[in-house]
Amino acid sequence: MASLDFEPQTYGELSPERRPTLAQALVPILGVVVFLGVGSGYLGMNPHAPLVWSVVLTGLVGYYWMDLSWDVLYEGIADGLLMGLQAILILFTIYALIATWVSAGTIPGLMHYGLSILTPEVFLPATAILAAVVAFSIGSSWTTAGTLGVAFVGIGSGLGIPAPMTAGAILSGAYAGDKQSPLSDTTNLAAAVTNTNLYDHIRAMRTGTAIALGLSLILYALLGLRAGGAIPEGRVAEIQGALAGTYDLSVFVFLPLVVTFGLALYGYPALPSLVAGVFAGVFTTMAVQGVGFTAAWDVFLNGTAPQTGTKLVNDLLAQDGLTGSAWTITVVVAALSLGGLLERLGVLAVLAHHLAQGVRSGTSLVATSGLSAILVNIFSAQQYMAIVIPGMTLRNLYDEYDLESSDLSRAVEAAGTPTGALIPWHAGAVYMSSVFGVPTLAFSWGEPATILNSYFPFYFFAFLSPLVLFVMTLLGRATTPKDSADSSVPSSADD
């Protein structure tokens, strides 16, 4: 589970003399929207500079308008980075892991045998289902995407399935499985910050998750009927031949996979499991592929550029290694710094508070909780913050409206956890984009079809999970009065 060494501020904890007004809070928020919208959206810039502009503007607002000292602002940045430190370390590790798994033959082996089993028509829904099962078993959407996900992008390419579609299917399954896993950090966090029993929280999410994933699978099945088309004659055989001719694809190449998932299933957290996977990848590279000790660790650092004789395979298996993570890490550091500043200024707490002022019923309270999680996700770039801030800010209102705390925990996770990977500067989106080699959101004002080159329109679960929550709320299926059942009994939304 994510460890929080500090608790984000709630509106009530902010002293009146330094609590920002709504107008003050909206200035940095509007700045972020304008900078990222114009810089990244309209001018097509990388997100680094717009994020830095946003950090500077937020810092200036805090220093000159809210009279906060540099030390206070710096502490906000440090807290934001601290909350995202696990994500940063996983990013470093996953770059090295993918490179070592390529050199070990693990990913080439998965691609080789996967091409023999799967067909274009069933590939997308099968991918989503497998990702859901794995993520549920190990409690980590990030580990699922960074290991099996990479191999499935390669398999899909061999079957004629565009990489953005494959990435969307992997993400849909991975986040759906993660939300239902008692091993998941976000699942535990949502239960903890809302004072909800973990298994009550999981049961409360069950129906909504099942509906959203089920609808996603139907869409992937329909998409698969058209996406793959006819595989060019000899294409699969050519790819498999290139893989088998370059790597020893005996059963031993799957040792890194067994080590990583075995540790995760045993209950080890994602980061140590991935680090163990790196060492297993280096060992397998030496023992199975016959690569020397120094060369194997050079792959860990600098990546791999295989020469298989087939350009498609070369491109799929070319990985950067540890040093290739710089672009991704710098985006995440800038985004987390911005989120930490917005939290320290009290901007996020003020926004959540004013959203709560519009609550007039239990139904609107649940809808507001989901909307708050999405907004905090956008401006903090961190899914933990998207769960913690609405969870802490709104939980007393659930007592006032005599609703079960599981209604709140379900709302913040259903809307907060899966939507992060849709926001291009979000830590989750930057990670997923780098792992799959597919942009989160590619859009050109003159060519709207460019959006199909990104995974955004194909990540169905991220849209359906909050949508199902809001529809269930409107239908009265997302609120559970405390006097209707004991808190240990599943909520009415699970009937």
Protein backbone atom coordinates (compact mmCIF):
# COMPACT_ATOMS: atom_id res chain seq x y z
CA MET A 1 0.00 0.00 0.00
CA ALA A 2 1.12 3.57 -0.61
CA SER A 3 2.74 5.08 2.44
CA LEU A 4 1.66 8.64 3.20
CA ASP A 5 4.15 10.41 5.45
CA PHE A 6 1.93 13.47 5.45
CA GLU A 7 -1.80 14.05 5.20
CA PRO A 8 -3.05 16.54 2.61
CA GLN A 9 -4.83 19.50 4.15
CA THR A 10 -8.58 19.65 4.39
CA TYR A 11 -10.50 22.91 4.20
CA GLY A 12 -11.18 22.92 7.94
CA GLU A 13 -7.50 22.50 8.77
CA LEU A 14 -6.50 25.63 6.83
CA SER A 15 -6.25 28.64 9.13
CA PRO A 16 -8.66 31.42 8.03
CA GLU A 17 -5.84 33.94 7.63
CA ARG A 18 -3.99 31.83 5.07
CA ARG A 19 -6.92 30.00 3.50
CA PRO A 20 -7.16 31.03 -0.19
CA THR A 21 -10.41 32.45 -1.47
CA LEU A 22 -12.08 30.72 -4.39
CA ALA A 23 -10.79 33.48 -6.69
CA GLN A 24 -7.22 32.99 -5.46
CA ALA A 25 -7.53 29.22 -5.86
CA LEU A 26 -8.79 29.55 -9.42
CA VAL A 27 -5.84 31.66 -10.61
CA PRO A 28 -3.23 28.84 -10.60
CA ILE A 29 -5.87 26.38 -11.79
CA LEU A 30 -6.70 28.53 -14.80
CA GLY A 31 -2.98 29.01 -15.39
CA VAL A 32 -2.47 25.25 -15.56
CA VAL A 33 -5.39 24.89 -17.97
CA VAL A 34 -4.14 27.68 -20.24
CA PHE A 35 -0.46 26.68 -20.19
CA LEU A 36 -1.11 23.00 -20.86
CA GLY A 37 -3.96 23.67 -23.27
CA VAL A 38 -2.02 26.16 -25.38
CA GLY A 39 1.49 24.73 -24.93
CA SER A 40 0.82 21.02 -25.26
CA GLY A 41 -2.60 21.01 -26.90
CA TYR A 42 -2.36 23.82 -29.47
CA LEU A 43 1.40 24.30 -30.03
CA GLY A 44 2.21 20.61 -29.73
CA MET A 45 5.01 21.17 -27.20
CA ASN A 46 6.24 18.49 -24.85
CA PRO A 47 4.57 18.95 -21.44
CA HIS A 48 7.81 19.84 -19.63
CA ALA A 49 7.81 23.61 -20.28
CA PRO A 50 4.05 24.16 -19.71
CA LEU A 51 4.34 22.27 -16.41
CA VAL A 52 7.31 24.40 -15.35
CA TRP A 53 5.35 27.56 -16.26
CA SER A 54 2.50 26.27 -14.09
CA VAL A 55 4.85 25.56 -11.18
CA VAL A 56 6.33 29.07 -11.40
CA LEU A 57 2.90 30.75 -11.57
CA THR A 58 1.63 28.72 -8.60
CA GLY A 59 4.75 29.54 -6.61
CA LEU A 60 4.40 33.26 -7.37
CA VAL A 61 0.72 33.23 -6.32
CA GLY A 62 1.67 31.52 -3.07
CA TYR A 63 4.63 33.81 -2.34
CA TYR A 64 3.27 37.22 -3.30
CA TRP A 65 -0.51 36.86 -2.98
CA MET A 66 -0.86 34.37 -0.14
CA ASP A 67 2.28 35.49 1.70
CA LEU A 68 3.77 32.00 2.01
CA SER A 69 7.50 31.67 2.61
CA TRP A 70 9.87 29.84 0.29
CA ASP A 71 10.32 27.15 2.96
CA VAL A 72 6.58 26.45 2.97
CA LEU A 73 6.47 26.32 -0.82
CA TYR A 74 9.49 24.03 -0.92
CA GLU A 75 7.88 21.71 1.63
CA GLY A 76 4.84 21.50 -0.64
CA ILE A 77 7.02 20.49 -3.60
CA ALA A 78 8.86 17.96 -1.42
CA ASP A 79 5.59 16.44 -0.17
CA GLY A 80 4.32 16.10 -3.74
CA LEU A 81 7.51 14.34 -4.77
CA LEU A 82 7.43 12.17 -1.66
CA MET A 83 3.89 11.00 -2.42
CA GLY A 84 4.99 10.11 -5.95
CA LEU A 85 8.38 8.67 -5.02
CA GLN A 86 7.20 5.09 -5.47
CA ALA A 87 5.97 5.94 -8.96
CA ILE A 88 9.34 7.49 -9.83
CA LEU A 89 11.28 4.48 -8.58
CA ILE A 90 8.98 2.09 -10.44
CA LEU A 91 9.54 4.11 -13.61
CA PHE A 92 13.30 3.78 -13.27
CA THR A 93 12.97 0.06 -12.59
CA ILE A 94 10.50 -0.74 -15.35
CA TYR A 95 12.73 0.75 -18.06
CA ALA A 96 15.55 -1.52 -16.93
CA LEU A 97 13.22 -4.50 -16.49
CA ILE A 98 11.80 -4.33 -20.01
CA ALA A 99 15.29 -4.10 -21.54
CA THR A 100 16.58 -7.07 -19.53
CA TRP A 101 13.46 -9.12 -20.32
CA VAL A 102 14.01 -8.49 -24.02
CA SER A 103 17.66 -9.58 -23.83
CA ALA A 104 16.67 -12.59 -21.70
CA GLY A 105 14.17 -13.74 -24.35
CA THR A 106 11.20 -13.39 -21.98
CA ILE A 107 9.25 -10.86 -24.03
CA PRO A 108 10.32 -12.42 -27.37
CA GLY A 109 9.14 -15.78 -25.99
CA LEU A 110 5.74 -14.40 -25.00
CA MET A 111 5.38 -12.87 -28.44
CA HIS A 112 6.44 -16.08 -30.23
CA TYR A 113 3.99 -18.36 -28.43
CA GLY A 114 1.22 -15.75 -28.22
CA LEU A 115 1.18 -15.42 -32.00
CA SER A 116 0.50 -19.17 -32.23
CA ILE A 117 -2.50 -19.03 -29.91
CA LEU A 118 -4.35 -15.74 -30.44
CA THR A 119 -6.30 -14.52 -33.46
CA PRO A 120 -7.15 -10.93 -34.42
CA GLU A 121 -10.85 -11.44 -33.69
CA VAL A 122 -10.41 -12.46 -30.04
CA PHE A 123 -7.16 -10.68 -29.27
CA LEU A 124 -8.48 -7.43 -27.73
CA PRO A 125 -11.10 -8.90 -25.34
CA ALA A 126 -8.73 -11.76 -24.45
CA THR A 127 -6.01 -9.24 -23.65
CA ALA A 128 -8.34 -7.24 -21.39
CA ILE A 129 -9.49 -10.38 -19.55
CA LEU A 130 -5.95 -11.68 -19.01
CA ALA A 131 -4.77 -8.26 -17.80
CA ALA A 132 -7.69 -8.13 -15.34
CA VAL A 133 -6.89 -11.58 -13.96
CA VAL A 134 -3.20 -10.79 -13.53
CA ALA A 135 -3.82 -7.36 -11.98
CA PHE A 136 -6.36 -8.84 -9.57
CA SER A 137 -3.93 -11.58 -8.59
CA ILE A 138 -0.95 -9.31 -7.90
CA GLY A 139 -2.76 -6.07 -7.03
CA SER A 140 -0.85 -3.85 -9.44
CA SER A 141 -2.01 -2.35 -12.73
CA TRP A 142 1.45 -0.83 -13.29
CA THR A 143 3.27 -4.15 -12.96
CA THR A 144 0.75 -5.83 -15.27
CA ALA A 145 1.16 -3.14 -17.93
CA GLY A 146 4.95 -3.01 -17.67
CA THR A 147 5.43 -6.75 -18.06
CA LEU A 148 2.69 -8.64 -19.90
CA GLY A 149 1.44 -5.42 -21.47
CA VAL A 150 4.65 -4.84 -23.41
CA ALA A 151 4.57 -8.37 -24.80
CA PHE A 152 0.94 -8.03 -25.85
CA VAL A 153 1.68 -4.85 -27.79
CA GLY A 154 4.17 -6.95 -29.77
CA ILE A 155 1.70 -9.79 -30.26
CA GLY A 156 -0.98 -7.39 -31.39
CA SER A 157 1.35 -5.78 -33.92
CA GLY A 158 2.05 -9.21 -35.36
CA LEU A 159 -1.69 -9.82 -35.71
CA GLY A 160 -2.30 -6.47 -37.36
CA ILE A 161 -3.88 -4.84 -34.29
CA PRO A 162 -2.80 -1.18 -33.87
CA ALA A 163 -0.75 -0.60 -30.72
CA PRO A 164 -3.12 2.11 -29.35
CA MET A 165 -6.00 -0.40 -29.33
CA THR A 166 -3.89 -3.01 -27.57
CA ALA A 167 -2.75 -0.47 -24.99
CA GLY A 168 -6.35 0.51 -24.31
CA ALA A 169 -7.40 -3.11 -23.79
CA ILE A 170 -4.47 -3.77 -21.44
CA LEU A 171 -5.27 -0.67 -19.39
CA SER A 172 -8.98 -1.50 -19.17
CA GLY A 173 -8.28 -4.96 -17.85
CA ALA A 174 -5.41 -3.93 -15.59
CA TYR A 175 -7.30 -1.14 -13.83
CA ALA A 176 -10.49 -3.20 -13.50
CA GLY A 177 -8.56 -6.05 -11.87
CA ASP A 178 -6.58 -3.66 -9.70
CA LYS A 179 -9.76 -2.03 -8.33
CA GLN A 180 -11.08 -5.39 -7.12
CA SER A 181 -7.85 -6.69 -5.60
CA PRO A 182 -7.35 -6.63 -1.81
CA LEU A 183 -3.60 -6.36 -2.56
CA SER A 184 -3.94 -3.09 -4.49
CA ASP A 185 -2.45 0.05 -2.94
CA THR A 186 -5.22 2.35 -4.23
CA THR A 187 -7.92 -0.04 -3.05
CA ASN A 188 -6.43 -0.14 0.44
CA LEU A 189 -5.88 3.62 0.42
CA ALA A 190 -9.48 4.40 -0.56
CA ALA A 191 -10.76 2.19 2.24
CA ALA A 192 -8.32 3.66 4.79
CA VAL A 193 -8.93 7.39 4.18
CA THR A 194 -12.72 6.94 4.24
CA ASN A 195 -12.72 4.71 7.37
CA THR A 196 -14.27 1.83 5.41
CA ASN A 197 -13.69 -1.87 5.92
CA LEU A 198 -11.53 -3.08 3.01
CA TYR A 199 -13.87 -5.86 1.93
CA ASP A 200 -16.96 -3.65 2.28
CA HIS A 201 -15.20 -1.25 -0.09
CA ILE A 202 -14.40 -4.02 -2.58
CA ARG A 203 -17.96 -5.36 -2.48
CA ALA A 204 -19.33 -1.85 -3.00
CA MET A 205 -17.28 -1.53 -6.20
CA ARG A 206 -18.10 -4.97 -7.56
CA THR A 207 -21.24 -4.29 -9.58
CA GLY A 208 -20.02 -1.02 -11.11
CA THR A 209 -16.66 -2.54 -12.03
CA ALA A 210 -18.30 -5.60 -13.57
CA ILE A 211 -20.67 -3.48 -15.68
CA ALA A 212 -17.88 -1.15 -16.88
CA LEU A 213 -15.53 -4.03 -17.72
CA GLY A 214 -18.32 -6.02 -19.37
CA LEU A 215 -19.24 -3.12 -21.63
CA SER A 216 -15.55 -2.62 -22.42
CA LEU A 217 -15.20 -6.27 -23.44
CA ILE A 218 -18.17 -5.97 -25.78
CA LEU A 219 -16.61 -2.90 -27.40
CA TYR A 220 -13.25 -4.66 -27.76
CA ALA A 221 -14.93 -7.68 -29.31
CA LEU A 222 -16.64 -5.45 -31.87
CA LEU A 223 -13.41 -3.55 -32.47
CA GLY A 224 -11.48 -6.78 -32.96
CA LEU A 225 -13.80 -7.89 -35.73
CA ARG A 226 -12.68 -4.91 -37.81
CA ALA A 227 -9.23 -3.99 -36.51
CA GLY A 228 -7.11 -6.97 -37.50
CA GLY A 229 -8.50 -7.83 -40.89
CA ALA A 230 -6.63 -10.48 -42.85
CA ILE A 231 -3.07 -11.11 -41.68
CA PRO A 232 -0.68 -10.88 -44.63
CA GLU A 233 0.36 -14.36 -45.70
CA GLY A 234 3.54 -15.46 -43.98
CA ARG A 235 3.65 -12.49 -41.60
CA VAL A 236 3.27 -14.48 -38.38
CA ALA A 237 5.75 -17.10 -39.58
CA GLU A 238 8.23 -14.35 -40.50
CA ILE A 239 7.99 -12.76 -37.03
CA GLN A 240 8.23 -16.09 -35.23
CA GLY A 241 11.20 -17.08 -37.37
CA ALA A 242 12.98 -13.80 -36.60
CA LEU A 243 12.41 -14.30 -32.88
CA ALA A 244 13.47 -17.95 -32.84
CA GLY A 245 16.52 -17.20 -34.95
CA THR A 246 17.73 -14.49 -32.57
CA TYR A 247 16.87 -15.86 -29.12
CA ASP A 248 16.93 -19.21 -27.38
CA LEU A 249 13.20 -19.54 -26.63
CA SER A 250 13.29 -22.52 -24.29
CA VAL A 251 11.00 -22.61 -21.27
CA PHE A 252 13.80 -21.16 -19.12
CA VAL A 253 13.35 -17.70 -20.67
CA PHE A 254 10.20 -17.32 -18.58
CA LEU A 255 12.14 -17.41 -15.30
CA PRO A 256 11.97 -13.60 -14.84
CA LEU A 257 8.19 -13.74 -15.31
CA VAL A 258 7.86 -16.50 -12.72
CA VAL A 259 10.09 -14.66 -10.23
CA THR A 260 8.30 -11.31 -10.58
CA PHE A 261 4.73 -12.60 -10.47
CA GLY A 262 5.60 -15.23 -7.90
CA LEU A 263 6.84 -12.60 -5.46
CA ALA A 264 3.85 -10.38 -6.19
CA LEU A 265 1.43 -13.25 -5.58
CA TYR A 266 3.27 -14.05 -2.36
CA GLY A 267 2.51 -10.54 -1.18
CA TYR A 268 5.68 -8.57 -1.89
CA PRO A 269 5.09 -4.96 -3.01
CA ALA A 270 5.44 -3.99 -6.67
CA LEU A 271 8.84 -2.29 -6.42
CA PRO A 272 10.87 -5.12 -4.83
CA SER A 273 9.11 -7.62 -7.10
CA LEU A 274 10.15 -5.61 -10.16
CA VAL A 275 13.73 -5.22 -8.92
CA ALA A 276 13.90 -8.99 -8.46
CA GLY A 277 12.59 -9.30 -12.01
CA VAL A 278 15.49 -7.15 -13.25
CA PHE A 279 18.07 -9.41 -11.58
CA ALA A 280 16.27 -12.48 -12.91
CA GLY A 281 16.34 -10.92 -16.39
CA VAL A 282 20.09 -10.28 -16.22
CA PHE A 283 20.73 -13.81 -14.92
CA THR A 284 18.60 -15.35 -17.70
CA THR A 285 20.37 -13.21 -20.31
CA MET A 286 23.68 -14.70 -19.20
CA ALA A 287 22.57 -18.28 -18.48
CA VAL A 288 20.18 -18.86 -21.39
CA GLN A 289 21.22 -16.39 -24.09
CA GLY A 290 24.96 -16.75 -23.42
CA VAL A 291 25.64 -13.03 -22.94
CA GLY A 292 28.59 -12.01 -20.77
CA PHE A 293 28.23 -10.42 -17.33
CA THR A 294 29.31 -6.91 -18.38
CA ALA A 295 27.23 -6.95 -21.58
CA ALA A 296 24.13 -8.12 -19.68
CA TRP A 297 24.40 -5.22 -17.23
CA ASP A 298 25.08 -2.84 -20.11
CA VAL A 299 21.64 -3.80 -21.44
CA PHE A 300 20.22 -2.91 -18.02
CA LEU A 301 21.75 0.56 -18.32
CA ASN A 302 21.63 1.41 -22.02
CA GLY A 303 18.94 -0.89 -23.42
CA THR A 304 18.90 -3.26 -26.34
CA ALA A 305 18.85 -2.90 -30.12
CA PRO A 306 18.33 -6.43 -31.50
CA GLN A 307 19.12 -7.29 -35.10
CA THR A 308 16.58 -9.96 -35.98
CA GLY A 309 16.49 -9.35 -39.71
CA THR A 310 12.89 -8.07 -39.53
CA LYS A 311 12.33 -4.34 -39.06
CA LEU A 312 8.98 -4.76 -37.29
CA VAL A 313 10.53 -7.06 -34.70
CA ASN A 314 13.59 -4.83 -34.30
CA ASP A 315 11.38 -1.81 -33.66
CA LEU A 316 9.18 -3.67 -31.18
CA LEU A 317 12.11 -5.00 -29.16
CA ALA A 318 14.33 -1.91 -29.17
CA GLN A 319 14.28 -0.66 -25.57
CA ASP A 320 16.18 2.17 -23.89
CA GLY A 321 17.16 0.73 -20.51
CA LEU A 322 17.61 2.73 -17.32
CA THR A 323 19.10 5.81 -18.99
CA GLY A 324 16.12 6.07 -21.32
CA SER A 325 13.81 7.02 -18.45
CA ALA A 326 15.01 10.65 -18.26
CA TRP A 327 12.28 12.17 -20.48
CA THR A 328 9.54 10.38 -18.58
CA ILE A 329 10.94 11.01 -15.11
CA THR A 330 11.30 14.74 -15.72
CA VAL A 331 7.64 15.05 -16.71
CA VAL A 332 6.58 13.17 -13.59
CA VAL A 333 8.82 15.28 -11.32
CA ALA A 334 7.41 18.54 -12.76
CA ALA A 335 3.81 17.30 -12.47
CA LEU A 336 4.26 16.06 -8.89
CA SER A 337 5.93 19.34 -7.92
CA LEU A 338 2.92 21.22 -9.28
CA GLY A 339 0.50 18.96 -7.44
CA GLY A 340 2.43 19.41 -4.19
CA LEU A 341 2.36 23.19 -4.53
CA LEU A 342 -1.39 23.25 -5.25
CA GLU A 343 -1.96 21.11 -2.19
CA ARG A 344 0.26 23.25 0.06
CA LEU A 345 -1.42 26.49 -1.07
CA GLY A 346 -4.74 24.91 -0.10
CA VAL A 347 -6.03 25.20 -3.66
CA LEU A 348 -7.15 21.57 -3.91
CA ALA A 349 -8.88 21.63 -0.52
CA VAL A 350 -10.70 24.87 -1.40
CA LEU A 351 -11.91 23.43 -4.71
CA ALA A 352 -13.18 20.27 -2.99
CA HIS A 353 -14.88 22.37 -0.30
CA HIS A 354 -16.70 24.59 -2.79
CA LEU A 355 -17.81 21.57 -4.77
CA ALA A 356 -19.22 20.16 -1.54
CA GLN A 357 -21.19 23.39 -0.98
CA GLY A 358 -23.37 22.42 -3.94
CA VAL A 359 -24.44 19.17 -2.28
CA ARG A 360 -28.17 19.07 -1.58
CA SER A 361 -28.80 15.33 -1.27
CA GLY A 362 -27.08 11.99 -0.84
CA THR A 363 -27.25 11.47 -4.59
CA SER A 364 -25.51 14.75 -5.37
CA LEU A 365 -22.95 13.98 -2.64
CA VAL A 366 -21.85 10.76 -4.35
CA ALA A 367 -21.70 12.49 -7.75
CA THR A 368 -19.68 15.35 -6.23
CA SER A 369 -17.26 12.85 -4.69
CA GLY A 370 -16.58 11.27 -8.08
CA LEU A 371 -16.21 14.64 -9.80
CA SER A 372 -13.83 15.86 -7.06
CA ALA A 373 -11.62 12.81 -7.57
CA ILE A 374 -11.39 13.49 -11.32
CA LEU A 375 -10.57 17.18 -10.84
CA VAL A 376 -7.91 16.50 -8.20
CA ASN A 377 -6.46 13.86 -10.53
CA ILE A 378 -6.14 16.46 -13.29
CA PHE A 379 -4.44 19.09 -11.16
CA SER A 380 -2.34 16.95 -8.79
CA ALA A 381 -1.14 14.44 -11.44
CA GLN A 382 -1.22 11.77 -8.73
CA GLN A 383 -3.94 9.16 -8.18
CA TYR A 384 -3.17 8.91 -4.45
CA MET A 385 -4.00 12.61 -4.03
CA ALA A 386 -7.20 12.09 -6.05
CA ILE A 387 -8.32 9.54 -3.49
CA VAL A 388 -7.02 11.15 -0.30
CA ILE A 389 -8.21 14.77 -0.71
CA PRO A 390 -11.89 14.07 -1.61
CA GLY A 391 -11.93 11.15 0.80
CA MET A 392 -10.79 13.26 3.76
CA THR A 393 -12.69 16.41 2.76
CA LEU A 394 -16.09 14.82 2.18
CA ARG A 395 -16.26 11.94 4.63
CA ASN A 396 -17.99 13.95 7.38
CA LEU A 397 -20.77 14.85 4.93
CA TYR A 398 -21.56 11.15 4.56
CA ASP A 399 -22.24 11.02 8.28
CA GLU A 400 -24.47 14.11 7.98
CA TYR A 401 -26.46 12.45 5.19
CA ASP A 402 -26.45 9.14 7.12
CA LEU A 403 -24.75 7.25 4.28
CA GLU A 404 -22.30 4.36 4.47
CA SER A 405 -18.64 5.30 4.09
CA SER A 406 -18.36 2.65 1.36
CA ASP A 407 -20.43 4.96 -0.87
CA LEU A 408 -17.60 7.50 -0.62
CA SER A 409 -14.77 4.98 -1.02
CA ARG A 410 -16.45 3.54 -4.11
CA ALA A 411 -16.98 6.98 -5.65
CA VAL A 412 -13.41 8.25 -5.22
CA GLU A 413 -11.85 5.05 -6.52
CA ALA A 414 -14.26 4.41 -9.40
CA ALA A 415 -13.65 7.94 -10.68
CA GLY A 416 -10.13 8.60 -9.41
CA THR A 417 -8.08 5.46 -10.02
CA PRO A 418 -8.74 4.62 -13.71
CA THR A 419 -8.98 8.18 -15.05
CA GLY A 420 -5.41 9.18 -14.19
CA ALA A 421 -4.02 7.33 -17.20
CA LEU A 422 -6.15 9.57 -19.47
CA ILE A 423 -4.41 12.80 -18.37
CA PRO A 424 -1.21 13.25 -20.43
CA TRP A 425 0.84 14.88 -17.66
CA HIS A 426 -0.41 12.53 -14.94
CA ALA A 427 2.18 10.17 -13.43
CA GLY A 428 0.10 7.15 -14.47
CA ALA A 429 -0.37 8.35 -18.03
CA VAL A 430 3.30 9.21 -18.49
CA TYR A 431 4.22 5.76 -17.22
CA MET A 432 1.76 3.91 -19.43
CA SER A 433 2.69 5.92 -22.50
CA SER A 434 6.38 5.19 -22.02
CA VAL A 435 5.79 1.49 -21.39
CA PHE A 436 3.66 0.97 -24.48
CA GLY A 437 5.45 3.44 -26.73
CA VAL A 438 2.04 4.95 -27.51
CA PRO A 439 1.02 8.56 -26.75
CA THR A 440 -1.68 9.07 -24.16
CA LEU A 441 -3.41 11.71 -26.28
CA ALA A 442 -2.31 12.75 -29.76
CA PHE A 443 -4.39 15.47 -31.32
CA SER A 444 -3.90 17.94 -34.14
CA TRP A 445 -6.41 20.72 -34.67
CA GLY A 446 -6.13 20.34 -38.43
CA GLU A 447 -6.25 16.52 -38.37
CA PRO A 448 -8.73 15.20 -35.79
CA ALA A 449 -8.04 11.60 -36.86
CA THR A 450 -4.60 11.80 -35.22
CA ILE A 451 -6.31 10.99 -31.92
CA LEU A 452 -6.52 7.38 -33.15
CA ASN A 453 -2.73 7.22 -32.86
CA SER A 454 -3.06 7.46 -29.07
CA TYR A 455 -4.59 5.06 -26.56
CA PHE A 456 -6.99 7.72 -25.17
CA PRO A 457 -10.04 6.79 -27.32
CA PHE A 458 -9.50 3.03 -26.79
CA TYR A 459 -9.15 3.01 -23.01
CA PHE A 460 -12.86 2.33 -22.58
CA PHE A 461 -12.84 1.41 -18.89
CA ALA A 462 -11.59 4.87 -17.86
CA PHE A 463 -14.69 6.45 -19.40
CA LEU A 464 -17.15 3.75 -18.39
CA SER A 465 -16.12 3.37 -14.73
CA PRO A 466 -17.08 6.94 -13.68
CA LEU A 467 -19.99 6.97 -16.16
CA VAL A 468 -21.47 3.83 -14.59
CA LEU A 469 -20.97 5.40 -11.16
CA PHE A 470 -22.88 8.54 -12.20
CA VAL A 471 -25.68 6.56 -13.87
CA MET A 472 -26.05 4.31 -10.82
CA THR A 473 -26.15 7.46 -8.69
CA LEU A 474 -28.96 8.97 -10.78
CA LEU A 475 -30.87 5.70 -10.52
CA GLY A 476 -30.47 5.66 -6.74
CA ARG A 477 -28.22 2.61 -6.77
CA ALA A 478 -25.09 4.24 -5.36
CA THR A 479 -26.35 5.41 -1.96
CA THR A 480 -26.77 3.19 1.07
CA PRO A 481 -28.48 4.63 4.18
CA LYS A 482 -26.80 3.44 7.35
CA ASP A 483 -30.04 2.22 8.88
CA SER A 484 -30.79 0.04 5.84
CA ALA A 485 -28.17 -2.57 6.63
CA ASP A 486 -25.23 -3.31 8.86
CA SER A 487 -21.96 -1.87 7.53
CA SER A 488 -20.57 -5.35 7.01
CA VAL A 489 -23.31 -6.17 4.51
CA PRO A 490 -22.78 -5.32 0.83
CA SER A 491 -24.38 -2.07 -0.26
CA SER A 492 -27.54 -2.02 -2.32
CA ALA A 493 -25.49 -1.30 -5.42
CA ASP A 494 -24.26 -4.88 -5.32
CA ASP A 495 -27.64 -6.61 -5.47
